[in-house]
Amino acid sequence: MNPSIATVAATFLVALAFSVIAVAFNDWFGIGDLVPFAIYCVPFAFLALPATAIAFRVTTRLPVWLASAFALIGGLLFGWLGTCAVALFLGPWFGAMSVPMLQVWCIAAAFVFSASVLLRRTPSTRGAAVGLTVLALLSVFASAAFRPALSLSSGNQHLTVFYFRHHPGDGELRILDTDKVLGPADMAILKQTGLRGTLESRGGSASNSTKWPLAKALIIFTPPLTTEASLPQPKHCTIAYVQDGSSFRRVPADAPTFSRQMHIKHESYGWNFTVEHSSGARSGGSISP
């Protein structure tokens, strides 16, 4: 097969394969976007042809493994630039794309770029086979680690918020209807609040687009809520926020937080809870404190 055709075909097929795997690992959410994603992969694959040629020429004087490493980094950059171009072209509609384009294109381009350099520089069939196996394993590892690494670098996290109404009493604190959603560590933090009586669950919500790192905010309302509040988000941990008059105290008090806030506001229809995302977006809904 012509090397140029092989490069274009490999880029397209590898990107499409990674997209199917990504959707499969997300319980097939976004399967309907695979067709439009495949259409975007066509120009992406054709543009990868001159880009891989440039990567080969730039790394010609380097040892083959170092050249492959630099080509891999170049592929990551190419995937990032391609995703930015599509995002600019689609505008707000880019947010409706359920296929993780940035992850898929970065990993696919990294594999194709590095494999292209390796195959051109390695005369031995055995050496090429070993090299491709190593690059394939690196690509699988990079694909699995891509989203968590991106979340850590961007400050994103999966934040779950639970709401409680405190009913004072003389006995040891009891927490109702939380066995399936709170772990032993969360329950221990609730007991650290020093409250006695009963905590009645008032529901919960989750926000942000990543599955890891995890964080939980346990919002406890005590007297009737009359004042709006802004609370710092827990940073990869669980924090209980206990209403104390017109303010909230944190338990543990020294737990790490982000500068991003969680807002409790009163609207015409009632109380509303809003979470700031690392992307600058916001999400939330009505609550019953």
C-alpha atoms as a PDB file:
ATOM      1  CA  MET A   1       0.000   0.000   0.000  1.00  0.00           C
ATOM      2  CA  ASN A   2       1.150   3.532  -0.762  1.00  0.00           C
ATOM      3  CA  PRO A   3       2.689   5.023   2.435  1.00  0.00           C
ATOM      4  CA  SER A   4       0.576   8.169   2.130  1.00  0.00           C
ATOM      5  CA  ILE A   5      -2.660   6.222   1.816  1.00  0.00           C
ATOM      6  CA  ALA A   6      -1.562   3.984   4.688  1.00  0.00           C
ATOM      7  CA  THR A   7      -0.945   6.992   6.961  1.00  0.00           C
ATOM      8  CA  VAL A   8      -4.331   8.561   6.210  1.00  0.00           C
ATOM      9  CA  ALA A   9      -6.152   5.239   6.600  1.00  0.00           C
ATOM     10  CA  ALA A  10      -4.315   4.390   9.821  1.00  0.00           C
ATOM     11  CA  THR A  11      -5.099   7.786  11.357  1.00  0.00           C
ATOM     12  CA  PHE A  12      -8.771   7.499  10.470  1.00  0.00           C
ATOM     13  CA  LEU A  13      -9.171   3.889  11.630  1.00  0.00           C
ATOM     14  CA  VAL A  14      -7.190   4.327  14.868  1.00  0.00           C
ATOM     15  CA  ALA A  15      -9.168   7.455  15.781  1.00  0.00           C
ATOM     16  CA  LEU A  16     -12.448   5.693  15.012  1.00  0.00           C
ATOM     17  CA  ALA A  17     -11.409   2.624  17.024  1.00  0.00           C
ATOM     18  CA  PHE A  18     -10.461   4.737  20.045  1.00  0.00           C
ATOM     19  CA  SER A  19     -13.765   6.611  19.806  1.00  0.00           C
ATOM     20  CA  VAL A  20     -15.750   3.356  19.863  1.00  0.00           C
ATOM     21  CA  ILE A  21     -13.733   2.131  22.863  1.00  0.00           C
ATOM     22  CA  ALA A  22     -14.274   5.437  24.695  1.00  0.00           C
ATOM     23  CA  VAL A  23     -18.037   5.313  24.074  1.00  0.00           C
ATOM     24  CA  ALA A  24     -18.174   1.645  25.114  1.00  0.00           C
ATOM     25  CA  PHE A  25     -16.436   2.416  28.423  1.00  0.00           C
ATOM     26  CA  ASN A  26     -19.009   5.162  28.996  1.00  0.00           C
ATOM     27  CA  ASP A  27     -21.887   2.652  28.802  1.00  0.00           C
ATOM     28  CA  TRP A  28     -22.378   3.556  25.116  1.00  0.00           C
ATOM     29  CA  PHE A  29     -23.442   7.077  25.970  1.00  0.00           C
ATOM     30  CA  GLY A  30     -22.769   9.153  22.842  1.00  0.00           C
ATOM     31  CA  ILE A  31     -23.059   6.300  20.336  1.00  0.00           C
ATOM     32  CA  GLY A  32     -25.206   8.561  18.153  1.00  0.00           C
ATOM     33  CA  ASP A  33     -22.269  10.982  17.776  1.00  0.00           C
ATOM     34  CA  LEU A  34     -19.939   8.371  16.263  1.00  0.00           C
ATOM     35  CA  VAL A  35     -21.112   9.135  12.708  1.00  0.00           C
ATOM     36  CA  PRO A  36     -20.525  12.922  12.855  1.00  0.00           C
ATOM     37  CA  PHE A  37     -17.268  12.236  14.691  1.00  0.00           C
ATOM     38  CA  ALA A  38     -16.190   9.916  11.862  1.00  0.00           C
ATOM     39  CA  ILE A  39     -16.902  12.728   9.379  1.00  0.00           C
ATOM     40  CA  TYR A  40     -14.639  15.091  11.332  1.00  0.00           C
ATOM     41  CA  CYS A  41     -11.983  12.361  11.344  1.00  0.00           C
ATOM     42  CA  VAL A  42     -11.699  12.506   7.528  1.00  0.00           C
ATOM     43  CA  PRO A  43     -10.020  15.954   7.292  1.00  0.00           C
ATOM     44  CA  PHE A  44      -8.147  15.166  10.511  1.00  0.00           C
ATOM     45  CA  ALA A  45      -6.645  12.062   8.860  1.00  0.00           C
ATOM     46  CA  PHE A  46      -5.681  13.909   5.667  1.00  0.00           C
ATOM     47  CA  LEU A  47      -4.031  16.724   7.612  1.00  0.00           C
ATOM     48  CA  ALA A  48      -2.093  14.143   9.604  1.00  0.00           C
ATOM     49  CA  LEU A  49      -0.237  13.127   6.406  1.00  0.00           C
ATOM     50  CA  PRO A  50       1.903  16.295   6.041  1.00  0.00           C
ATOM     51  CA  ALA A  51       2.184  16.554   9.812  1.00  0.00           C
ATOM     52  CA  THR A  52       3.738  13.075  10.114  1.00  0.00           C
ATOM     53  CA  ALA A  53       6.137  13.932   7.262  1.00  0.00           C
ATOM     54  CA  ILE A  54       7.259  17.028   9.182  1.00  0.00           C
ATOM     55  CA  ALA A  55       7.684  14.978  12.366  1.00  0.00           C
ATOM     56  CA  PHE A  56       9.876  12.502  10.445  1.00  0.00           C
ATOM     57  CA  ARG A  57      12.093  15.198   8.917  1.00  0.00           C
ATOM     58  CA  VAL A  58      12.518  17.086  12.193  1.00  0.00           C
ATOM     59  CA  THR A  59      13.600  13.947  14.082  1.00  0.00           C
ATOM     60  CA  THR A  60      15.824  12.382  11.392  1.00  0.00           C
ATOM     61  CA  ARG A  61      19.096  12.967  13.278  1.00  0.00           C
ATOM     62  CA  LEU A  62      17.792  11.675  16.600  1.00  0.00           C
ATOM     63  CA  PRO A  63      18.064   8.052  17.776  1.00  0.00           C
ATOM     64  CA  VAL A  64      15.010   6.096  16.691  1.00  0.00           C
ATOM     65  CA  TRP A  65      13.434   5.743  20.155  1.00  0.00           C
ATOM     66  CA  LEU A  66      14.014   9.392  20.985  1.00  0.00           C
ATOM     67  CA  ALA A  67      12.616  10.345  17.577  1.00  0.00           C
ATOM     68  CA  SER A  68       9.509   8.248  18.268  1.00  0.00           C
ATOM     69  CA  ALA A  69       9.102   9.937  21.653  1.00  0.00           C
ATOM     70  CA  PHE A  70       9.269  13.401  20.086  1.00  0.00           C
ATOM     71  CA  ALA A  71       6.834  12.281  17.370  1.00  0.00           C
ATOM     72  CA  LEU A  72       4.474  11.047  20.082  1.00  0.00           C
ATOM     73  CA  ILE A  73       4.542  14.471  21.728  1.00  0.00           C
ATOM     74  CA  GLY A  74       3.971  16.066  18.322  1.00  0.00           C
ATOM     75  CA  GLY A  75       0.936  13.823  17.837  1.00  0.00           C
ATOM     76  CA  LEU A  76      -0.507  14.949  21.153  1.00  0.00           C
ATOM     77  CA  LEU A  77      -0.093  18.568  20.079  1.00  0.00           C
ATOM     78  CA  PHE A  78      -1.646  17.832  16.674  1.00  0.00           C
ATOM     79  CA  GLY A  79      -4.674  16.209  18.331  1.00  0.00           C
ATOM     80  CA  TRP A  80      -5.071  19.203  20.642  1.00  0.00           C
ATOM     81  CA  LEU A  81      -4.886  21.671  17.751  1.00  0.00           C
ATOM     82  CA  GLY A  82      -7.376  19.628  15.732  1.00  0.00           C
ATOM     83  CA  THR A  83      -9.840  19.595  18.625  1.00  0.00           C
ATOM     84  CA  CYS A  84      -9.440  23.365  19.124  1.00  0.00           C
ATOM     85  CA  ALA A  85     -10.156  23.911  15.426  1.00  0.00           C
ATOM     86  CA  VAL A  86     -13.381  21.887  15.598  1.00  0.00           C
ATOM     87  CA  ALA A  87     -14.405  23.658  18.806  1.00  0.00           C
ATOM     88  CA  LEU A  88     -13.947  27.052  17.130  1.00  0.00           C
ATOM     89  CA  PHE A  89     -15.872  25.869  14.067  1.00  0.00           C
ATOM     90  CA  LEU A  90     -18.827  24.464  16.021  1.00  0.00           C
ATOM     91  CA  GLY A  91     -18.902  27.103  18.763  1.00  0.00           C
ATOM     92  CA  PRO A  92     -21.297  26.254  21.619  1.00  0.00           C
ATOM     93  CA  TRP A  93     -22.490  23.166  19.726  1.00  0.00           C
ATOM     94  CA  PHE A  94     -19.119  21.547  20.445  1.00  0.00           C
ATOM     95  CA  GLY A  95     -20.336  20.945  24.004  1.00  0.00           C
ATOM     96  CA  ALA A  96     -23.011  18.605  22.627  1.00  0.00           C
ATOM     97  CA  MET A  97     -20.377  16.217  21.229  1.00  0.00           C
ATOM     98  CA  SER A  98     -20.521  13.162  23.495  1.00  0.00           C
ATOM     99  CA  VAL A  99     -17.428  11.488  22.014  1.00  0.00           C
ATOM    100  CA  PRO A 100     -14.324  12.680  23.943  1.00  0.00           C
ATOM    101  CA  MET A 101     -12.704  14.217  20.870  1.00  0.00           C
ATOM    102  CA  LEU A 102      -9.681  15.703  22.637  1.00  0.00           C
ATOM    103  CA  GLN A 103      -8.764  12.396  24.253  1.00  0.00           C
ATOM    104  CA  VAL A 104      -9.351  10.310  21.123  1.00  0.00           C
ATOM    105  CA  TRP A 105      -7.555  12.570  18.678  1.00  0.00           C
ATOM    106  CA  CYS A 106      -4.568  13.185  20.948  1.00  0.00           C
ATOM    107  CA  ILE A 107      -4.003   9.485  21.604  1.00  0.00           C
ATOM    108  CA  ALA A 108      -4.667   8.436  17.990  1.00  0.00           C
ATOM    109  CA  ALA A 109      -2.326  11.066  16.554  1.00  0.00           C
ATOM    110  CA  ALA A 110       0.355  10.269  19.148  1.00  0.00           C
ATOM    111  CA  PHE A 111       0.288   6.582  18.147  1.00  0.00           C
ATOM    112  CA  VAL A 112       0.239   7.218  14.386  1.00  0.00           C
ATOM    113  CA  PHE A 113       2.983   9.865  14.486  1.00  0.00           C
ATOM    114  CA  SER A 114       5.331   7.762  16.618  1.00  0.00           C
ATOM    115  CA  ALA A 115       4.546   4.558  14.707  1.00  0.00           C
ATOM    116  CA  SER A 116       5.180   6.307  11.388  1.00  0.00           C
ATOM    117  CA  VAL A 117       8.614   7.473  12.501  1.00  0.00           C
ATOM    118  CA  LEU A 118       9.432   4.052  13.944  1.00  0.00           C
ATOM    119  CA  LEU A 119       8.441   2.130  10.805  1.00  0.00           C
ATOM    120  CA  ARG A 120      10.456   4.447   8.548  1.00  0.00           C
ATOM    121  CA  ARG A 121      13.529   4.240  10.757  1.00  0.00           C
ATOM    122  CA  THR A 122      13.489   0.524  11.685  1.00  0.00           C
ATOM    123  CA  PRO A 123      14.658  -1.809   8.920  1.00  0.00           C
ATOM    124  CA  SER A 124      14.110  -4.972  10.984  1.00  0.00           C
ATOM    125  CA  THR A 125      10.617  -6.458  10.853  1.00  0.00           C
ATOM    126  CA  ARG A 126      11.104  -7.890  14.330  1.00  0.00           C
ATOM    127  CA  GLY A 127      12.279  -4.562  15.701  1.00  0.00           C
ATOM    128  CA  ALA A 128       9.317  -2.787  14.131  1.00  0.00           C
ATOM    129  CA  ALA A 129       6.908  -5.328  15.609  1.00  0.00           C
ATOM    130  CA  VAL A 130       8.373  -4.909  19.092  1.00  0.00           C
ATOM    131  CA  GLY A 131       8.283  -1.129  18.726  1.00  0.00           C
ATOM    132  CA  LEU A 132       4.668  -1.095  17.573  1.00  0.00           C
ATOM    133  CA  THR A 133       3.681  -3.339  20.483  1.00  0.00           C
ATOM    134  CA  VAL A 134       5.328  -0.955  22.954  1.00  0.00           C
ATOM    135  CA  LEU A 135       3.655   2.061  21.338  1.00  0.00           C
ATOM    136  CA  ALA A 136       0.281   0.307  21.376  1.00  0.00           C
ATOM    137  CA  LEU A 137       0.641  -0.457  25.092  1.00  0.00           C
ATOM    138  CA  LEU A 138       1.692   3.144  25.768  1.00  0.00           C
ATOM    139  CA  SER A 139      -1.347   4.362  23.833  1.00  0.00           C
ATOM    140  CA  VAL A 140      -3.692   2.156  25.865  1.00  0.00           C
ATOM    141  CA  PHE A 141      -2.142   3.398  29.099  1.00  0.00           C
ATOM    142  CA  ALA A 142      -2.270   7.023  27.907  1.00  0.00           C
ATOM    143  CA  SER A 143      -5.914   6.621  26.904  1.00  0.00           C
ATOM    144  CA  ALA A 144      -6.816   5.285  30.355  1.00  0.00           C
ATOM    145  CA  ALA A 145      -4.836   8.013  32.143  1.00  0.00           C
ATOM    146  CA  PHE A 146      -5.798  10.893  29.848  1.00  0.00           C
ATOM    147  CA  ARG A 147      -9.052  11.976  31.478  1.00  0.00           C
ATOM    148  CA  PRO A 148      -7.794  11.728  35.093  1.00  0.00           C
ATOM    149  CA  ALA A 149      -4.618  13.629  34.179  1.00  0.00           C
ATOM    150  CA  LEU A 150      -6.641  16.290  32.375  1.00  0.00           C
ATOM    151  CA  SER A 151      -8.976  16.600  35.368  1.00  0.00           C
ATOM    152  CA  LEU A 152      -6.069  17.037  37.778  1.00  0.00           C
ATOM    153  CA  SER A 153      -4.340  19.624  35.594  1.00  0.00           C
ATOM    154  CA  SER A 154      -7.534  21.629  35.019  1.00  0.00           C
ATOM    155  CA  GLY A 155      -8.839  21.400  38.583  1.00  0.00           C
ATOM    156  CA  ASN A 156     -11.909  19.467  37.477  1.00  0.00           C
ATOM    157  CA  GLN A 157     -13.521  16.906  39.786  1.00  0.00           C
ATOM    158  CA  HIS A 158     -16.720  14.932  40.207  1.00  0.00           C
ATOM    159  CA  LEU A 159     -18.536  16.798  42.956  1.00  0.00           C
ATOM    160  CA  THR A 160     -21.526  15.208  44.670  1.00  0.00           C
ATOM    161  CA  VAL A 161     -23.631  17.364  46.995  1.00  0.00           C
ATOM    162  CA  PHE A 162     -26.005  15.986  49.631  1.00  0.00           C
ATOM    163  CA  TYR A 163     -28.533  18.105  51.525  1.00  0.00           C
ATOM    164  CA  PHE A 164     -29.759  17.436  55.063  1.00  0.00           C
ATOM    165  CA  ARG A 165     -32.228  19.019  57.485  1.00  0.00           C
ATOM    166  CA  HIS A 166     -31.185  18.762  61.122  1.00  0.00           C
ATOM    167  CA  HIS A 167     -33.822  17.921  63.720  1.00  0.00           C
ATOM    168  CA  PRO A 168     -32.397  18.581  67.215  1.00  0.00           C
ATOM    169  CA  GLY A 169     -32.567  15.877  69.863  1.00  0.00           C
ATOM    170  CA  ASP A 170     -30.826  14.565  72.963  1.00  0.00           C
ATOM    171  CA  GLY A 171     -29.596  11.284  71.539  1.00  0.00           C
ATOM    172  CA  GLU A 172     -26.551  10.459  69.428  1.00  0.00           C
ATOM    173  CA  LEU A 173     -26.773  11.768  65.874  1.00  0.00           C
ATOM    174  CA  ARG A 174     -28.734   9.513  63.533  1.00  0.00           C
ATOM    175  CA  ILE A 175     -28.537   9.876  59.752  1.00  0.00           C
ATOM    176  CA  LEU A 176     -31.563   8.656  57.812  1.00  0.00           C
ATOM    177  CA  ASP A 177     -31.739   7.237  54.268  1.00  0.00           C
ATOM    178  CA  THR A 178     -28.021   7.496  53.502  1.00  0.00           C
ATOM    179  CA  ASP A 179     -26.771   3.894  53.713  1.00  0.00           C
ATOM    180  CA  LYS A 180     -26.473   3.508  49.942  1.00  0.00           C
ATOM    181  CA  VAL A 181     -24.860   6.850  49.101  1.00  0.00           C
ATOM    182  CA  LEU A 182     -22.509   7.675  51.971  1.00  0.00           C
ATOM    183  CA  GLY A 183     -19.499   5.645  53.048  1.00  0.00           C
ATOM    184  CA  PRO A 184     -18.126   5.124  56.571  1.00  0.00           C
ATOM    185  CA  ALA A 185     -15.717   8.068  56.185  1.00  0.00           C
ATOM    186  CA  ASP A 186     -18.603  10.381  55.208  1.00  0.00           C
ATOM    187  CA  MET A 187     -20.674   9.208  58.153  1.00  0.00           C
ATOM    188  CA  ALA A 188     -17.731   9.836  60.478  1.00  0.00           C
ATOM    189  CA  ILE A 189     -17.467  13.440  59.249  1.00  0.00           C
ATOM    190  CA  LEU A 190     -21.172  13.976  59.891  1.00  0.00           C
ATOM    191  CA  LYS A 191     -20.698  12.765  63.450  1.00  0.00           C
ATOM    192  CA  GLN A 192     -17.729  15.156  63.848  1.00  0.00           C
ATOM    193  CA  THR A 193     -20.116  18.082  63.440  1.00  0.00           C
ATOM    194  CA  GLY A 194     -21.124  17.711  67.087  1.00  0.00           C
ATOM    195  CA  LEU A 195     -24.816  17.728  66.206  1.00  0.00           C
ATOM    196  CA  ARG A 196     -27.266  15.563  68.141  1.00  0.00           C
ATOM    197  CA  GLY A 197     -30.643  14.338  67.044  1.00  0.00           C
ATOM    198  CA  THR A 198     -31.490  13.371  63.470  1.00  0.00           C
ATOM    199  CA  LEU A 199     -30.326  14.320  59.982  1.00  0.00           C
ATOM    200  CA  GLU A 200     -33.097  14.017  57.405  1.00  0.00           C
ATOM    201  CA  SER A 201     -31.916  13.535  53.832  1.00  0.00           C
ATOM    202  CA  ARG A 202     -33.182  16.227  51.433  1.00  0.00           C
ATOM    203  CA  GLY A 203     -31.736  14.732  48.249  1.00  0.00           C
ATOM    204  CA  GLY A 204     -28.543  15.401  46.361  1.00  0.00           C
ATOM    205  CA  SER A 205     -26.981  16.256  43.030  1.00  0.00           C
ATOM    206  CA  ALA A 206     -23.761  15.696  41.084  1.00  0.00           C
ATOM    207  CA  SER A 207     -21.862  17.987  38.747  1.00  0.00           C
ATOM    208  CA  ASN A 208     -18.864  18.141  36.389  1.00  0.00           C
ATOM    209  CA  SER A 209     -17.996  15.840  33.514  1.00  0.00           C
ATOM    210  CA  THR A 210     -15.270  13.631  34.989  1.00  0.00           C
ATOM    211  CA  LYS A 211     -15.501  10.479  37.093  1.00  0.00           C
ATOM    212  CA  TRP A 212     -12.324  11.188  39.077  1.00  0.00           C
ATOM    213  CA  PRO A 213     -11.119  12.855  41.318  1.00  0.00           C
ATOM    214  CA  LEU A 214     -14.086  12.620  43.663  1.00  0.00           C
ATOM    215  CA  ALA A 215     -15.380  15.144  46.189  1.00  0.00           C
ATOM    216  CA  LYS A 216     -18.468  15.391  48.388  1.00  0.00           C
ATOM    217  CA  ALA A 217     -20.190  18.328  50.047  1.00  0.00           C
ATOM    218  CA  LEU A 218     -22.598  17.540  52.879  1.00  0.00           C
ATOM    219  CA  ILE A 219     -24.830  20.597  53.361  1.00  0.00           C
ATOM    220  CA  ILE A 220     -26.668  20.613  56.713  1.00  0.00           C
ATOM    221  CA  PHE A 221     -29.467  23.113  57.281  1.00  0.00           C
ATOM    222  CA  THR A 222     -30.360  23.801  60.927  1.00  0.00           C
ATOM    223  CA  PRO A 223     -32.680  26.775  61.605  1.00  0.00           C
ATOM    224  CA  PRO A 224     -34.875  28.123  58.807  1.00  0.00           C
ATOM    225  CA  LEU A 225     -32.649  29.440  56.021  1.00  0.00           C
ATOM    226  CA  THR A 226     -33.004  33.210  55.555  1.00  0.00           C
ATOM    227  CA  THR A 227     -29.613  34.285  54.182  1.00  0.00           C
ATOM    228  CA  GLU A 228     -27.878  33.506  50.899  1.00  0.00           C
ATOM    229  CA  ALA A 229     -24.405  31.971  51.099  1.00  0.00           C
ATOM    230  CA  SER A 230     -21.358  31.045  49.009  1.00  0.00           C
ATOM    231  CA  LEU A 231     -19.287  28.032  50.076  1.00  0.00           C
ATOM    232  CA  PRO A 232     -15.859  26.964  48.750  1.00  0.00           C
ATOM    233  CA  GLN A 233     -15.885  23.603  47.017  1.00  0.00           C
ATOM    234  CA  PRO A 234     -14.106  20.686  48.718  1.00  0.00           C
ATOM    235  CA  LYS A 235     -10.900  19.736  46.898  1.00  0.00           C
ATOM    236  CA  HIS A 236     -10.835  15.975  46.310  1.00  0.00           C
ATOM    237  CA  CYS A 237     -12.277  15.272  49.756  1.00  0.00           C
ATOM    238  CA  THR A 238     -15.502  15.307  51.798  1.00  0.00           C
ATOM    239  CA  ILE A 239     -16.540  18.380  53.787  1.00  0.00           C
ATOM    240  CA  ALA A 240     -19.657  18.941  55.889  1.00  0.00           C
ATOM    241  CA  TYR A 241     -21.055  22.491  55.832  1.00  0.00           C
ATOM    242  CA  VAL A 242     -23.188  23.110  58.912  1.00  0.00           C
ATOM    243  CA  GLN A 243     -25.536  26.086  58.959  1.00  0.00           C
ATOM    244  CA  ASP A 244     -24.807  28.238  62.000  1.00  0.00           C
ATOM    245  CA  GLY A 245     -27.273  31.116  61.931  1.00  0.00           C
ATOM    246  CA  SER A 246     -26.538  33.196  58.843  1.00  0.00           C
ATOM    247  CA  SER A 247     -23.241  31.430  58.033  1.00  0.00           C
ATOM    248  CA  PHE A 248     -21.849  27.908  57.594  1.00  0.00           C
ATOM    249  CA  ARG A 249     -18.952  26.246  59.392  1.00  0.00           C
ATOM    250  CA  ARG A 250     -16.767  23.601  57.766  1.00  0.00           C
ATOM    251  CA  VAL A 251     -16.014  20.158  59.167  1.00  0.00           C
ATOM    252  CA  PRO A 252     -13.129  19.397  59.086  1.00  0.00           C
ATOM    253  CA  ALA A 253     -12.161  23.061  59.347  1.00  0.00           C
ATOM    254  CA  ASP A 254      -8.738  22.527  57.728  1.00  0.00           C
ATOM    255  CA  ALA A 255      -9.937  20.435  54.771  1.00  0.00           C
ATOM    256  CA  PRO A 256      -8.591  21.647  51.389  1.00  0.00           C
ATOM    257  CA  THR A 257     -10.923  23.669  49.151  1.00  0.00           C
ATOM    258  CA  PHE A 258     -10.967  25.276  45.716  1.00  0.00           C
ATOM    259  CA  SER A 259     -11.554  28.968  45.165  1.00  0.00           C
ATOM    260  CA  ARG A 260     -14.594  27.948  43.105  1.00  0.00           C
ATOM    261  CA  GLN A 261     -17.836  28.429  44.989  1.00  0.00           C
ATOM    262  CA  MET A 262     -21.147  26.720  45.605  1.00  0.00           C
ATOM    263  CA  HIS A 263     -23.924  29.298  45.808  1.00  0.00           C
ATOM    264  CA  ILE A 264     -27.151  29.129  47.816  1.00  0.00           C
ATOM    265  CA  LYS A 265     -29.494  31.804  46.530  1.00  0.00           C
ATOM    266  CA  HIS A 266     -33.133  32.680  46.933  1.00  0.00           C
ATOM    267  CA  GLU A 267     -35.081  33.035  43.699  1.00  0.00           C
ATOM    268  CA  SER A 268     -38.714  33.910  43.037  1.00  0.00           C
ATOM    269  CA  TYR A 269     -39.615  30.213  43.004  1.00  0.00           C
ATOM    270  CA  GLY A 270     -37.608  29.290  46.122  1.00  0.00           C
ATOM    271  CA  TRP A 271     -34.048  28.349  47.060  1.00  0.00           C
ATOM    272  CA  ASN A 272     -31.507  27.477  44.382  1.00  0.00           C
ATOM    273  CA  PHE A 273     -28.111  25.747  44.624  1.00  0.00           C
ATOM    274  CA  THR A 274     -25.477  26.468  41.943  1.00  0.00           C
ATOM    275  CA  VAL A 275     -22.011  24.968  41.450  1.00  0.00           C
ATOM    276  CA  GLU A 276     -19.180  26.696  39.570  1.00  0.00           C
ATOM    277  CA  HIS A 277     -17.282  24.364  37.207  1.00  0.00           C
ATOM    278  CA  SER A 278     -13.571  24.480  36.425  1.00  0.00           C
ATOM    279  CA  SER A 279     -14.527  25.349  32.825  1.00  0.00           C
ATOM    280  CA  GLY A 280     -16.327  28.508  33.988  1.00  0.00           C
ATOM    281  CA  ALA A 281     -19.777  27.025  33.422  1.00  0.00           C
ATOM    282  CA  ARG A 282     -22.368  26.625  36.171  1.00  0.00           C
ATOM    283  CA  SER A 283     -24.985  24.025  36.985  1.00  0.00           C
ATOM    284  CA  GLY A 284     -27.556  23.534  39.705  1.00  0.00           C
ATOM    285  CA  GLY A 285     -31.221  23.492  40.565  1.00  0.00           C
ATOM    286  CA  SER A 286     -33.825  24.105  43.212  1.00  0.00           C
ATOM    287  CA  ILE A 287     -33.434  22.722  46.727  1.00  0.00           C
ATOM    288  CA  SER A 288     -35.664  22.367  49.803  1.00  0.00           C
ATOM    289  CA  PRO A 289     -33.569  23.341  52.841  1.00  0.00           C
END
